[in-house]
Amino acid sequence: GGERKAVEGAGAAADDLANAQSTFMLEMTEAAQILHSASAQSLVLMDEIGRGTSTFDGLALAAGIAAQLHDRTKAFTLFATHYFELTEFPATHHGAVNMHVSATESGRDIVFLHEMQPGPASKSYGIQVARLAGMPAAVVNHARQALDALEAQQTQTRAQVDLFAPPPATEAPEVSAVESALAALDPDAMSPREALDALYTLRKLNARDRH
């Protein structure tokens, strides 16, 4: 609820060849700017974050960005993704919901109904869309066979991974002897001679810590 004071968006972009920036780099730059500037009063639009890199890299980044927007930024966000694994997000994040654009199949044909329905999409229609776009039949058939093999392999090897778990708390770094000695010093109460002696002591401790 409430008035949206800013609209932030990241999605498809063309390569910036003049500045030697890839589409993925531009996408990550846009996403970083959004995460730094968006607030609870923002409307954030994320379109297919994570393309242009490996599947696992892209999925992991998309999961992290979604969690950041939900847990910290708390902006109203529309997050379009092709990563089916991200549809598990609402199960662990209150207020998040899945929506999909409905479609119907007739044989190998597909018709998009342009209606938003609750819940995740039941499947991907990439190969059907490629066929409608005029992709050669040999390519479409090859893609179907490859997809069947990949899906079978994924079913056999899929592991339960919590993509949205917060990173583990890092342990406080061990305090060095130099840091301990430095923290114990009171410069205002030291004479010039004591300060010089303390400096030599710190140098000795630093040399010892390096060995």
N, C-alpha and C. Protein backbone atom coordinates (compact mmCIF):
# COMPACT_ATOMS: atom_id res chain seq x y z
N GLY A 1 0.82 -1.18 0.00
CA GLY A 1 0.00 0.00 0.00
C GLY A 1 0.86 1.23 0.00
N GLY A 2 0.20 2.41 -0.23
CA GLY A 2 0.93 3.66 -0.19
C GLY A 2 1.40 4.09 -1.55
N GLU A 3 1.73 5.37 -1.65
CA GLU A 3 2.16 5.94 -2.92
C GLU A 3 3.57 5.49 -3.27
N ARG A 4 3.78 5.14 -4.53
CA ARG A 4 5.10 4.76 -5.01
C ARG A 4 5.84 6.02 -5.46
N LYS A 5 7.00 6.25 -4.87
CA LYS A 5 7.73 7.48 -5.15
C LYS A 5 8.78 7.32 -6.23
N ALA A 6 9.07 6.09 -6.60
CA ALA A 6 10.09 5.87 -7.63
C ALA A 6 9.81 4.57 -8.33
N VAL A 7 10.14 4.52 -9.61
CA VAL A 7 10.03 3.29 -10.39
C VAL A 7 11.42 2.90 -10.84
N GLU A 8 11.85 1.72 -10.45
CA GLU A 8 13.18 1.23 -10.82
C GLU A 8 13.00 0.01 -11.71
N GLY A 9 13.85 -0.14 -12.73
CA GLY A 9 13.71 -1.28 -13.61
C GLY A 9 15.03 -1.77 -14.15
N ALA A 10 15.12 -3.08 -14.31
CA ALA A 10 16.29 -3.69 -14.94
C ALA A 10 15.81 -4.82 -15.81
N GLY A 11 16.35 -4.91 -17.02
CA GLY A 11 15.91 -5.98 -17.90
C GLY A 11 16.77 -6.04 -19.13
N ALA A 12 16.14 -6.26 -20.28
CA ALA A 12 16.88 -6.44 -21.52
C ALA A 12 17.67 -5.19 -21.86
N ALA A 13 18.89 -5.40 -22.31
CA ALA A 13 19.76 -4.29 -22.71
C ALA A 13 20.65 -4.76 -23.84
N ALA A 14 21.08 -3.83 -24.66
CA ALA A 14 21.99 -4.17 -25.75
C ALA A 14 23.42 -4.01 -25.29
N ASP A 15 24.32 -4.74 -25.93
CA ASP A 15 25.74 -4.59 -25.60
C ASP A 15 26.19 -3.15 -25.86
N ASP A 16 26.97 -2.60 -24.93
CA ASP A 16 27.56 -1.28 -25.10
C ASP A 16 28.98 -1.48 -25.60
N LEU A 17 29.12 -1.65 -26.91
CA LEU A 17 30.42 -1.97 -27.48
C LEU A 17 31.40 -0.82 -27.33
N ALA A 18 30.90 0.41 -27.35
CA ALA A 18 31.79 1.56 -27.25
C ALA A 18 32.53 1.57 -25.93
N ASN A 19 31.87 1.11 -24.88
CA ASN A 19 32.49 1.08 -23.56
C ASN A 19 32.90 -0.32 -23.15
N ALA A 20 32.90 -1.25 -24.09
CA ALA A 20 33.34 -2.63 -23.85
C ALA A 20 32.56 -3.27 -22.70
N GLN A 21 31.25 -3.02 -22.67
CA GLN A 21 30.41 -3.60 -21.63
C GLN A 21 29.41 -4.56 -22.27
N SER A 22 29.36 -5.78 -21.75
CA SER A 22 28.43 -6.78 -22.26
C SER A 22 27.03 -6.50 -21.74
N THR A 23 26.06 -7.17 -22.35
CA THR A 23 24.68 -7.07 -21.87
C THR A 23 24.59 -7.48 -20.41
N PHE A 24 25.30 -8.55 -20.05
CA PHE A 24 25.24 -9.03 -18.67
C PHE A 24 25.83 -8.00 -17.71
N MET A 25 26.94 -7.37 -18.09
CA MET A 25 27.54 -6.35 -17.23
C MET A 25 26.59 -5.18 -17.05
N LEU A 26 25.95 -4.74 -18.12
CA LEU A 26 25.00 -3.64 -18.02
C LEU A 26 23.83 -4.03 -17.12
N GLU A 27 23.36 -5.27 -17.27
CA GLU A 27 22.25 -5.74 -16.45
C GLU A 27 22.62 -5.76 -14.98
N MET A 28 23.82 -6.24 -14.66
CA MET A 28 24.27 -6.28 -13.27
C MET A 28 24.46 -4.86 -12.72
N THR A 29 24.94 -3.95 -13.57
CA THR A 29 25.11 -2.56 -13.13
C THR A 29 23.76 -1.93 -12.79
N GLU A 30 22.77 -2.17 -13.66
CA GLU A 30 21.43 -1.65 -13.40
C GLU A 30 20.85 -2.24 -12.13
N ALA A 31 21.02 -3.55 -11.96
CA ALA A 31 20.48 -4.21 -10.77
C ALA A 31 21.14 -3.67 -9.50
N ALA A 32 22.46 -3.46 -9.56
CA ALA A 32 23.17 -2.93 -8.39
C ALA A 32 22.68 -1.53 -8.05
N GLN A 33 22.46 -0.71 -9.07
CA GLN A 33 21.95 0.65 -8.82
C GLN A 33 20.58 0.61 -8.17
N ILE A 34 19.75 -0.32 -8.61
CA ILE A 34 18.41 -0.45 -8.02
C ILE A 34 18.51 -0.85 -6.56
N LEU A 35 19.33 -1.85 -6.27
CA LEU A 35 19.45 -2.33 -4.90
C LEU A 35 19.99 -1.25 -3.96
N HIS A 36 20.82 -0.36 -4.49
CA HIS A 36 21.38 0.71 -3.66
C HIS A 36 20.42 1.88 -3.49
N SER A 37 19.52 2.09 -4.46
CA SER A 37 18.70 3.31 -4.43
C SER A 37 17.23 3.07 -4.11
N ALA A 38 16.73 1.87 -4.32
CA ALA A 38 15.30 1.61 -4.11
C ALA A 38 14.97 1.62 -2.62
N SER A 39 13.71 1.93 -2.32
CA SER A 39 13.24 1.94 -0.94
C SER A 39 11.88 1.25 -0.88
N ALA A 40 11.29 1.24 0.30
CA ALA A 40 9.98 0.61 0.46
C ALA A 40 8.90 1.35 -0.32
N GLN A 41 9.18 2.59 -0.74
CA GLN A 41 8.21 3.37 -1.52
C GLN A 41 8.42 3.22 -3.03
N SER A 42 9.34 2.34 -3.43
CA SER A 42 9.65 2.17 -4.85
C SER A 42 8.83 1.05 -5.47
N LEU A 43 8.61 1.16 -6.76
CA LEU A 43 8.09 0.06 -7.57
C LEU A 43 9.26 -0.45 -8.40
N VAL A 44 9.63 -1.71 -8.20
CA VAL A 44 10.80 -2.29 -8.87
C VAL A 44 10.34 -3.32 -9.89
N LEU A 45 10.87 -3.21 -11.11
CA LEU A 45 10.56 -4.15 -12.19
C LEU A 45 11.84 -4.88 -12.57
N MET A 46 11.85 -6.19 -12.39
CA MET A 46 13.01 -7.00 -12.74
C MET A 46 12.59 -7.99 -13.83
N ASP A 47 13.29 -7.95 -14.96
CA ASP A 47 12.93 -8.79 -16.09
C ASP A 47 14.07 -9.73 -16.45
N GLU A 48 13.90 -11.00 -16.14
CA GLU A 48 14.85 -12.04 -16.54
C GLU A 48 16.27 -11.76 -16.07
N ILE A 49 16.41 -11.40 -14.80
CA ILE A 49 17.73 -11.18 -14.23
C ILE A 49 18.51 -12.50 -14.22
N GLY A 50 19.78 -12.44 -14.62
CA GLY A 50 20.63 -13.63 -14.58
C GLY A 50 20.96 -14.23 -15.93
N ARG A 51 20.43 -13.64 -17.00
CA ARG A 51 20.79 -14.13 -18.33
C ARG A 51 22.22 -13.73 -18.66
N GLY A 52 22.82 -14.41 -19.60
CA GLY A 52 24.12 -14.00 -20.08
C GLY A 52 25.29 -14.59 -19.32
N THR A 53 25.02 -15.44 -18.35
CA THR A 53 26.08 -16.14 -17.65
C THR A 53 25.66 -17.59 -17.50
N SER A 54 26.43 -18.39 -16.77
CA SER A 54 26.07 -19.80 -16.63
C SER A 54 24.75 -19.94 -15.89
N THR A 55 24.08 -21.06 -16.09
CA THR A 55 22.78 -21.28 -15.46
C THR A 55 22.85 -21.13 -13.96
N PHE A 56 23.82 -21.76 -13.33
CA PHE A 56 23.92 -21.71 -11.87
C PHE A 56 24.26 -20.31 -11.39
N ASP A 57 25.19 -19.63 -12.08
CA ASP A 57 25.52 -18.25 -11.73
C ASP A 57 24.27 -17.37 -11.79
N GLY A 58 23.57 -17.45 -12.90
CA GLY A 58 22.39 -16.61 -13.09
C GLY A 58 21.31 -16.90 -12.07
N LEU A 59 21.06 -18.18 -11.81
CA LEU A 59 20.05 -18.57 -10.83
C LEU A 59 20.43 -18.07 -9.44
N ALA A 60 21.69 -18.24 -9.07
CA ALA A 60 22.14 -17.82 -7.75
C ALA A 60 22.02 -16.30 -7.58
N LEU A 61 22.40 -15.55 -8.61
CA LEU A 61 22.29 -14.10 -8.55
C LEU A 61 20.83 -13.66 -8.47
N ALA A 62 19.98 -14.28 -9.28
CA ALA A 62 18.56 -13.93 -9.25
C ALA A 62 17.95 -14.20 -7.88
N ALA A 63 18.33 -15.33 -7.28
CA ALA A 63 17.82 -15.66 -5.95
C ALA A 63 18.28 -14.64 -4.91
N GLY A 64 19.55 -14.26 -4.99
CA GLY A 64 20.07 -13.28 -4.05
C GLY A 64 19.42 -11.92 -4.19
N ILE A 65 19.19 -11.50 -5.43
CA ILE A 65 18.55 -10.20 -5.69
C ILE A 65 17.11 -10.22 -5.20
N ALA A 66 16.39 -11.31 -5.46
CA ALA A 66 15.01 -11.41 -4.99
C ALA A 66 14.94 -11.34 -3.47
N ALA A 67 15.84 -12.05 -2.81
CA ALA A 67 15.85 -12.04 -1.34
C ALA A 67 16.17 -10.65 -0.80
N GLN A 68 17.11 -9.96 -1.43
CA GLN A 68 17.48 -8.61 -0.99
C GLN A 68 16.29 -7.66 -1.12
N LEU A 69 15.59 -7.72 -2.24
CA LEU A 69 14.45 -6.84 -2.45
C LEU A 69 13.34 -7.12 -1.45
N HIS A 70 13.14 -8.39 -1.12
CA HIS A 70 12.08 -8.76 -0.19
C HIS A 70 12.46 -8.46 1.25
N ASP A 71 13.65 -8.88 1.65
CA ASP A 71 14.04 -8.84 3.06
C ASP A 71 14.53 -7.47 3.51
N ARG A 72 15.23 -6.76 2.64
CA ARG A 72 15.86 -5.50 3.06
C ARG A 72 15.21 -4.27 2.42
N THR A 73 15.11 -4.27 1.09
CA THR A 73 14.55 -3.11 0.42
C THR A 73 13.06 -2.98 0.69
N LYS A 74 12.36 -4.11 0.67
CA LYS A 74 10.92 -4.17 0.93
C LYS A 74 10.12 -3.34 -0.08
N ALA A 75 10.64 -3.23 -1.29
CA ALA A 75 9.93 -2.53 -2.35
C ALA A 75 8.89 -3.45 -2.98
N PHE A 76 7.81 -2.85 -3.50
CA PHE A 76 6.84 -3.64 -4.27
C PHE A 76 7.53 -4.01 -5.58
N THR A 77 7.67 -5.30 -5.84
CA THR A 77 8.51 -5.78 -6.94
C THR A 77 7.76 -6.73 -7.85
N LEU A 78 7.90 -6.53 -9.15
CA LEU A 78 7.46 -7.49 -10.16
C LEU A 78 8.72 -8.14 -10.71
N PHE A 79 8.85 -9.45 -10.52
CA PHE A 79 10.10 -10.15 -10.81
C PHE A 79 9.81 -11.26 -11.82
N ALA A 80 10.05 -10.97 -13.10
CA ALA A 80 9.84 -11.96 -14.15
C ALA A 80 11.09 -12.81 -14.30
N THR A 81 10.92 -14.12 -14.36
CA THR A 81 12.09 -15.00 -14.44
C THR A 81 11.77 -16.27 -15.23
N HIS A 82 12.81 -16.84 -15.84
CA HIS A 82 12.64 -18.14 -16.50
C HIS A 82 13.18 -19.26 -15.62
N TYR A 83 13.70 -18.92 -14.44
CA TYR A 83 14.22 -19.94 -13.53
C TYR A 83 13.07 -20.51 -12.71
N PHE A 84 12.68 -21.74 -13.03
CA PHE A 84 11.54 -22.35 -12.34
C PHE A 84 11.84 -22.52 -10.85
N GLU A 85 13.13 -22.68 -10.50
CA GLU A 85 13.49 -22.87 -9.10
C GLU A 85 13.07 -21.67 -8.24
N LEU A 86 12.98 -20.50 -8.84
CA LEU A 86 12.61 -19.31 -8.07
C LEU A 86 11.14 -19.30 -7.67
N THR A 87 10.34 -20.19 -8.26
CA THR A 87 8.94 -20.24 -7.87
C THR A 87 8.76 -20.79 -6.46
N GLU A 88 9.84 -21.31 -5.87
CA GLU A 88 9.78 -21.76 -4.48
C GLU A 88 9.89 -20.59 -3.50
N PHE A 89 10.17 -19.40 -4.00
CA PHE A 89 10.39 -18.22 -3.16
C PHE A 89 9.23 -17.93 -2.21
N PRO A 90 7.97 -17.93 -2.68
CA PRO A 90 6.87 -17.60 -1.77
C PRO A 90 6.71 -18.56 -0.59
N ALA A 91 7.24 -19.77 -0.71
CA ALA A 91 7.09 -20.74 0.37
C ALA A 91 7.83 -20.30 1.63
N THR A 92 8.85 -19.48 1.47
CA THR A 92 9.66 -19.06 2.62
C THR A 92 9.67 -17.54 2.81
N HIS A 93 8.94 -16.81 1.97
CA HIS A 93 8.96 -15.35 2.06
C HIS A 93 7.53 -14.81 2.06
N HIS A 94 7.10 -14.37 3.23
CA HIS A 94 5.73 -13.88 3.41
C HIS A 94 5.45 -12.69 2.51
N GLY A 95 4.31 -12.72 1.86
CA GLY A 95 3.90 -11.62 1.00
C GLY A 95 4.25 -11.82 -0.46
N ALA A 96 5.15 -12.75 -0.75
CA ALA A 96 5.51 -13.03 -2.15
C ALA A 96 4.52 -14.02 -2.75
N VAL A 97 4.14 -13.82 -3.98
CA VAL A 97 3.21 -14.72 -4.66
C VAL A 97 3.71 -14.99 -6.08
N ASN A 98 3.34 -16.16 -6.59
CA ASN A 98 3.65 -16.52 -7.98
C ASN A 98 2.47 -16.17 -8.87
N MET A 99 2.77 -15.65 -10.05
CA MET A 99 1.78 -15.40 -11.09
C MET A 99 2.37 -15.85 -12.42
N HIS A 100 1.50 -16.25 -13.34
CA HIS A 100 1.98 -16.63 -14.67
C HIS A 100 0.98 -16.21 -15.73
N VAL A 101 1.45 -16.10 -16.96
CA VAL A 101 0.59 -15.80 -18.09
C VAL A 101 0.07 -17.12 -18.65
N SER A 102 -1.24 -17.27 -18.69
CA SER A 102 -1.82 -18.55 -19.09
C SER A 102 -1.63 -18.81 -20.58
N ALA A 103 -1.57 -20.09 -20.90
CA ALA A 103 -1.42 -20.53 -22.29
C ALA A 103 -2.13 -21.87 -22.44
N THR A 104 -2.52 -22.18 -23.65
CA THR A 104 -3.16 -23.46 -23.92
C THR A 104 -2.47 -24.14 -25.09
N GLU A 105 -2.39 -25.46 -25.04
CA GLU A 105 -1.72 -26.23 -26.08
C GLU A 105 -2.74 -27.03 -26.88
N SER A 106 -2.48 -27.13 -28.17
CA SER A 106 -3.28 -27.97 -29.06
C SER A 106 -2.30 -28.73 -29.93
N GLY A 107 -2.05 -29.99 -29.56
CA GLY A 107 -1.02 -30.74 -30.24
C GLY A 107 0.33 -30.12 -29.94
N ARG A 108 1.03 -29.72 -31.00
CA ARG A 108 2.32 -29.06 -30.81
C ARG A 108 2.21 -27.55 -30.93
N ASP A 109 1.00 -27.05 -31.08
CA ASP A 109 0.80 -25.61 -31.17
C ASP A 109 0.49 -25.04 -29.79
N ILE A 110 0.73 -23.77 -29.63
CA ILE A 110 0.50 -23.09 -28.37
C ILE A 110 -0.17 -21.75 -28.63
N VAL A 111 -1.10 -21.40 -27.77
CA VAL A 111 -1.78 -20.11 -27.86
C VAL A 111 -1.66 -19.42 -26.51
N PHE A 112 -1.05 -18.24 -26.50
CA PHE A 112 -0.94 -17.46 -25.27
C PHE A 112 -2.23 -16.66 -25.07
N LEU A 113 -2.83 -16.78 -23.90
CA LEU A 113 -4.12 -16.17 -23.64
C LEU A 113 -4.01 -14.75 -23.08
N HIS A 114 -2.80 -14.34 -22.73
CA HIS A 114 -2.57 -12.98 -22.22
C HIS A 114 -3.41 -12.69 -20.98
N GLU A 115 -3.55 -13.69 -20.13
CA GLU A 115 -4.26 -13.54 -18.87
C GLU A 115 -3.34 -13.94 -17.72
N MET A 116 -3.32 -13.14 -16.68
CA MET A 116 -2.52 -13.45 -15.50
C MET A 116 -3.30 -14.40 -14.60
N GLN A 117 -2.62 -15.48 -14.21
CA GLN A 117 -3.23 -16.48 -13.35
C GLN A 117 -2.35 -16.69 -12.13
N PRO A 118 -2.95 -17.03 -10.97
CA PRO A 118 -2.13 -17.29 -9.78
C PRO A 118 -1.34 -18.58 -9.91
N GLY A 119 -0.20 -18.63 -9.24
CA GLY A 119 0.63 -19.83 -9.24
C GLY A 119 1.71 -19.77 -10.29
N PRO A 120 2.70 -20.67 -10.19
CA PRO A 120 3.78 -20.71 -11.19
C PRO A 120 3.32 -21.36 -12.48
N ALA A 121 4.03 -21.09 -13.56
CA ALA A 121 3.75 -21.78 -14.82
C ALA A 121 4.07 -23.26 -14.67
N SER A 122 3.29 -24.09 -15.30
CA SER A 122 3.49 -25.54 -15.17
C SER A 122 4.64 -26.04 -16.03
N LYS A 123 5.01 -25.28 -17.05
CA LYS A 123 6.10 -25.71 -17.92
C LYS A 123 6.61 -24.52 -18.72
N SER A 124 7.71 -24.74 -19.42
CA SER A 124 8.27 -23.71 -20.30
C SER A 124 7.85 -24.00 -21.74
N TYR A 125 7.68 -22.94 -22.51
CA TYR A 125 7.23 -23.10 -23.89
C TYR A 125 8.27 -22.59 -24.89
N GLY A 126 9.53 -22.61 -24.49
CA GLY A 126 10.57 -22.07 -25.36
C GLY A 126 10.64 -22.74 -26.71
N ILE A 127 10.55 -24.06 -26.74
CA ILE A 127 10.67 -24.78 -28.02
C ILE A 127 9.46 -24.51 -28.91
N GLN A 128 8.27 -24.44 -28.30
CA GLN A 128 7.08 -24.12 -29.09
C GLN A 128 7.18 -22.72 -29.69
N VAL A 129 7.69 -21.79 -28.92
CA VAL A 129 7.84 -20.42 -29.42
C VAL A 129 8.85 -20.39 -30.57
N ALA A 130 9.95 -21.14 -30.43
CA ALA A 130 10.94 -21.20 -31.50
C ALA A 130 10.32 -21.76 -32.77
N ARG A 131 9.46 -22.76 -32.62
CA ARG A 131 8.79 -23.34 -33.79
C ARG A 131 7.87 -22.31 -34.44
N LEU A 132 7.11 -21.56 -33.62
CA LEU A 132 6.23 -20.53 -34.17
C LEU A 132 7.02 -19.42 -34.86
N ALA A 133 8.25 -19.20 -34.40
CA ALA A 133 9.09 -18.15 -35.00
C ALA A 133 9.69 -18.58 -36.32
N GLY A 134 9.49 -19.84 -36.71
CA GLY A 134 10.00 -20.31 -38.00
C GLY A 134 11.32 -21.03 -37.93
N MET A 135 11.69 -21.48 -36.74
CA MET A 135 12.94 -22.24 -36.60
C MET A 135 12.85 -23.51 -37.45
N PRO A 136 13.94 -23.90 -38.15
CA PRO A 136 13.91 -25.12 -38.96
C PRO A 136 13.47 -26.34 -38.14
N ALA A 137 12.71 -27.22 -38.78
CA ALA A 137 12.17 -28.39 -38.08
C ALA A 137 13.28 -29.25 -37.49
N ALA A 138 14.40 -29.37 -38.19
CA ALA A 138 15.50 -30.19 -37.69
C ALA A 138 16.04 -29.64 -36.37
N VAL A 139 16.09 -28.32 -36.27
CA VAL A 139 16.57 -27.69 -35.03
C VAL A 139 15.57 -27.92 -33.91
N VAL A 140 14.28 -27.77 -34.20
CA VAL A 140 13.24 -27.97 -33.19
C VAL A 140 13.26 -29.40 -32.69
N ASN A 141 13.37 -30.37 -33.60
CA ASN A 141 13.39 -31.78 -33.20
C ASN A 141 14.63 -32.09 -32.35
N HIS A 142 15.76 -31.55 -32.77
CA HIS A 142 16.99 -31.75 -32.00
C HIS A 142 16.82 -31.17 -30.59
N ALA A 143 16.22 -29.99 -30.51
CA ALA A 143 16.02 -29.34 -29.21
C ALA A 143 15.09 -30.17 -28.33
N ARG A 144 14.04 -30.75 -28.92
CA ARG A 144 13.13 -31.59 -28.12
C ARG A 144 13.87 -32.78 -27.52
N GLN A 145 14.69 -33.44 -28.33
CA GLN A 145 15.44 -34.60 -27.83
C GLN A 145 16.43 -34.19 -26.74
N ALA A 146 17.10 -33.07 -26.97
CA ALA A 146 18.06 -32.60 -25.96
C ALA A 146 17.35 -32.22 -24.67
N LEU A 147 16.18 -31.60 -24.78
CA LEU A 147 15.41 -31.21 -23.60
C LEU A 147 14.97 -32.43 -22.81
N ASP A 148 14.50 -33.45 -23.50
CA ASP A 148 14.08 -34.68 -22.81
C ASP A 148 15.25 -35.28 -22.03
N ALA A 149 16.42 -35.30 -22.65
CA ALA A 149 17.60 -35.87 -21.99
C ALA A 149 18.02 -35.03 -20.79
N LEU A 150 17.99 -33.72 -20.94
CA LEU A 150 18.39 -32.83 -19.85
C LEU A 150 17.42 -32.92 -18.67
N GLU A 151 16.12 -32.98 -18.98
CA GLU A 151 15.14 -33.07 -17.90
C GLU A 151 15.25 -34.39 -17.16
N ALA A 152 15.52 -35.47 -17.89
CA ALA A 152 15.70 -36.77 -17.23
C ALA A 152 16.93 -36.76 -16.33
N GLN A 153 18.00 -36.14 -16.82
CA GLN A 153 19.23 -36.05 -16.02
C GLN A 153 19.01 -35.20 -14.78
N GLN A 154 18.29 -34.11 -14.93
CA GLN A 154 18.05 -33.21 -13.80
C GLN A 154 17.21 -33.90 -12.73
N THR A 155 16.23 -34.69 -13.16
CA THR A 155 15.39 -35.41 -12.21
C THR A 155 16.20 -36.39 -11.39
N GLN A 156 17.19 -37.02 -12.00
CA GLN A 156 18.00 -38.02 -11.31
C GLN A 156 19.01 -37.40 -10.36
N THR A 157 19.48 -36.19 -10.68
CA THR A 157 20.59 -35.62 -9.90
C THR A 157 20.19 -34.42 -9.06
N ARG A 158 18.93 -34.00 -9.10
CA ARG A 158 18.52 -32.79 -8.39
C ARG A 158 18.70 -32.96 -6.89
N ALA A 159 19.34 -32.00 -6.29
CA ALA A 159 19.54 -32.00 -4.83
C ALA A 159 18.71 -30.88 -4.22
N GLN A 160 18.35 -31.06 -2.96
CA GLN A 160 17.58 -30.05 -2.26
C GLN A 160 18.53 -28.94 -1.79
N VAL A 161 18.42 -27.79 -2.41
CA VAL A 161 19.28 -26.66 -2.07
C VAL A 161 18.38 -25.47 -1.73
N ASP A 162 18.64 -24.84 -0.59
CA ASP A 162 17.88 -23.66 -0.20
C ASP A 162 18.53 -22.43 -0.83
N LEU A 163 17.93 -21.97 -1.94
CA LEU A 163 18.51 -20.84 -2.67
C LEU A 163 18.37 -19.53 -1.91
N PHE A 164 17.45 -19.49 -0.96
CA PHE A 164 17.11 -18.22 -0.34
C PHE A 164 17.56 -18.11 1.11
N ALA A 165 18.35 -19.09 1.56
CA ALA A 165 18.85 -19.04 2.93
C ALA A 165 19.84 -17.88 3.06
N PRO A 166 19.76 -17.12 4.16
CA PRO A 166 20.72 -16.02 4.34
C PRO A 166 22.12 -16.57 4.49
N PRO A 167 23.13 -15.82 4.09
CA PRO A 167 24.51 -16.30 4.23
C PRO A 167 24.85 -16.52 5.69
N PRO A 168 25.68 -17.53 5.99
CA PRO A 168 26.04 -17.78 7.39
C PRO A 168 26.80 -16.60 7.97
N ALA A 169 26.59 -16.39 9.25
CA ALA A 169 27.30 -15.30 9.93
C ALA A 169 28.79 -15.59 9.93
N THR A 170 29.56 -14.61 9.58
CA THR A 170 31.01 -14.79 9.56
C THR A 170 31.58 -14.58 10.96
N GLU A 171 32.56 -15.39 11.29
CA GLU A 171 33.18 -15.25 12.60
C GLU A 171 34.03 -13.99 12.64
N ALA A 172 34.06 -13.36 13.81
CA ALA A 172 34.89 -12.17 13.98
C ALA A 172 36.35 -12.54 13.78
N PRO A 173 37.09 -11.75 13.02
CA PRO A 173 38.50 -12.08 12.79
C PRO A 173 39.29 -12.03 14.10
N GLU A 174 40.28 -12.90 14.17
CA GLU A 174 41.11 -12.95 15.38
C GLU A 174 41.91 -11.64 15.51
N VAL A 175 41.89 -11.08 16.72
CA VAL A 175 42.59 -9.83 16.97
C VAL A 175 44.08 -10.10 17.08
N SER A 176 44.89 -9.37 16.32
CA SER A 176 46.34 -9.57 16.34
C SER A 176 46.95 -8.91 17.57
N ALA A 177 48.19 -9.29 17.86
CA ALA A 177 48.90 -8.70 18.99
C ALA A 177 49.09 -7.21 18.80
N VAL A 178 49.32 -6.79 17.56
CA VAL A 178 49.49 -5.36 17.27
C VAL A 178 48.21 -4.60 17.59
N GLU A 179 47.06 -5.16 17.15
CA GLU A 179 45.78 -4.50 17.40
C GLU A 179 45.49 -4.40 18.89
N SER A 180 45.79 -5.47 19.63
CA SER A 180 45.56 -5.47 21.08
C SER A 180 46.42 -4.42 21.77
N ALA A 181 47.70 -4.37 21.39
CA ALA A 181 48.61 -3.40 21.99
C ALA A 181 48.22 -1.97 21.64
N LEU A 182 47.78 -1.79 20.38
CA LEU A 182 47.39 -0.45 19.94
C LEU A 182 46.14 0.03 20.67
N ALA A 183 45.20 -0.89 20.89
CA ALA A 183 43.96 -0.53 21.58
C ALA A 183 44.22 -0.14 23.04
N ALA A 184 45.28 -0.69 23.62
CA ALA A 184 45.60 -0.42 25.03
C ALA A 184 46.33 0.90 25.24
N LEU A 185 46.79 1.52 24.18
CA LEU A 185 47.56 2.76 24.31
C LEU A 185 46.65 3.96 24.59
N ASP A 186 47.16 4.89 25.40
CA ASP A 186 46.48 6.16 25.66
C ASP A 186 47.42 7.29 25.24
N PRO A 187 47.34 7.74 24.00
CA PRO A 187 48.31 8.73 23.51
C PRO A 187 48.37 10.00 24.35
N ASP A 188 47.22 10.42 24.90
CA ASP A 188 47.19 11.67 25.66
C ASP A 188 47.96 11.58 26.97
N ALA A 189 48.17 10.35 27.46
CA ALA A 189 48.85 10.18 28.75
C ALA A 189 50.31 9.79 28.58
N MET A 190 50.79 9.75 27.35
CA MET A 190 52.16 9.28 27.09
C MET A 190 53.10 10.45 26.87
N SER A 191 54.31 10.27 27.38
CA SER A 191 55.37 11.24 27.10
C SER A 191 55.94 10.94 25.72
N PRO A 192 56.67 11.88 25.14
CA PRO A 192 57.30 11.60 23.84
C PRO A 192 58.15 10.34 23.87
N ARG A 193 58.89 10.13 24.95
CA ARG A 193 59.74 8.94 25.05
C ARG A 193 58.89 7.68 25.10
N GLU A 194 57.81 7.70 25.88
CA GLU A 194 56.92 6.53 25.97
C GLU A 194 56.26 6.24 24.62
N ALA A 195 55.90 7.28 23.91
CA ALA A 195 55.29 7.10 22.59
C ALA A 195 56.28 6.46 21.63
N LEU A 196 57.54 6.88 21.68
CA LEU A 196 58.55 6.29 20.81
C LEU A 196 58.79 4.83 21.17
N ASP A 197 58.85 4.53 22.48
CA ASP A 197 59.01 3.14 22.92
C ASP A 197 57.84 2.28 22.44
N ALA A 198 56.63 2.84 22.54
CA ALA A 198 55.44 2.09 22.11
C ALA A 198 55.50 1.81 20.62
N LEU A 199 55.98 2.77 19.84
CA LEU A 199 56.09 2.58 18.40
C LEU A 199 57.05 1.45 18.07
N TYR A 200 58.19 1.40 18.75
CA TYR A 200 59.14 0.31 18.53
C TYR A 200 58.52 -1.04 18.92
N THR A 201 57.77 -1.04 20.03
CA THR A 201 57.11 -2.28 20.47
C THR A 201 56.12 -2.77 19.42
N LEU A 202 55.35 -1.84 18.86
CA LEU A 202 54.38 -2.21 17.82
C LEU A 202 55.09 -2.76 16.59
N ARG A 203 56.22 -2.19 16.22
CA ARG A 203 56.97 -2.68 15.07
C ARG A 203 57.45 -4.11 15.31
N LYS A 204 57.92 -4.38 16.54
CA LYS A 204 58.38 -5.74 16.86
C LYS A 204 57.23 -6.74 16.81
N LEU A 205 56.08 -6.33 17.37
CA LEU A 205 54.91 -7.22 17.34
C LEU A 205 54.45 -7.49 15.91
N ASN A 206 54.49 -6.46 15.08
CA ASN A 206 54.08 -6.62 13.69
C ASN A 206 55.02 -7.57 12.95
N ALA A 207 56.32 -7.43 13.20
CA ALA A 207 57.29 -8.32 12.57
C ALA A 207 57.09 -9.76 13.03
N ARG A 208 56.74 -9.95 14.30
CA ARG A 208 56.52 -11.30 14.81
C ARG A 208 55.25 -11.92 14.21
N ASP A 209 54.21 -11.10 14.05
CA ASP A 209 52.96 -11.61 13.48
C ASP A 209 53.13 -12.05 12.03
N ARG A 210 54.09 -11.48 11.33
CA ARG A 210 54.30 -11.81 9.91
C ARG A 210 55.04 -13.13 9.74
N HIS A 211 55.62 -13.67 10.80
CA HIS A 211 56.40 -14.91 10.70
C HIS A 211 55.59 -16.08 11.26
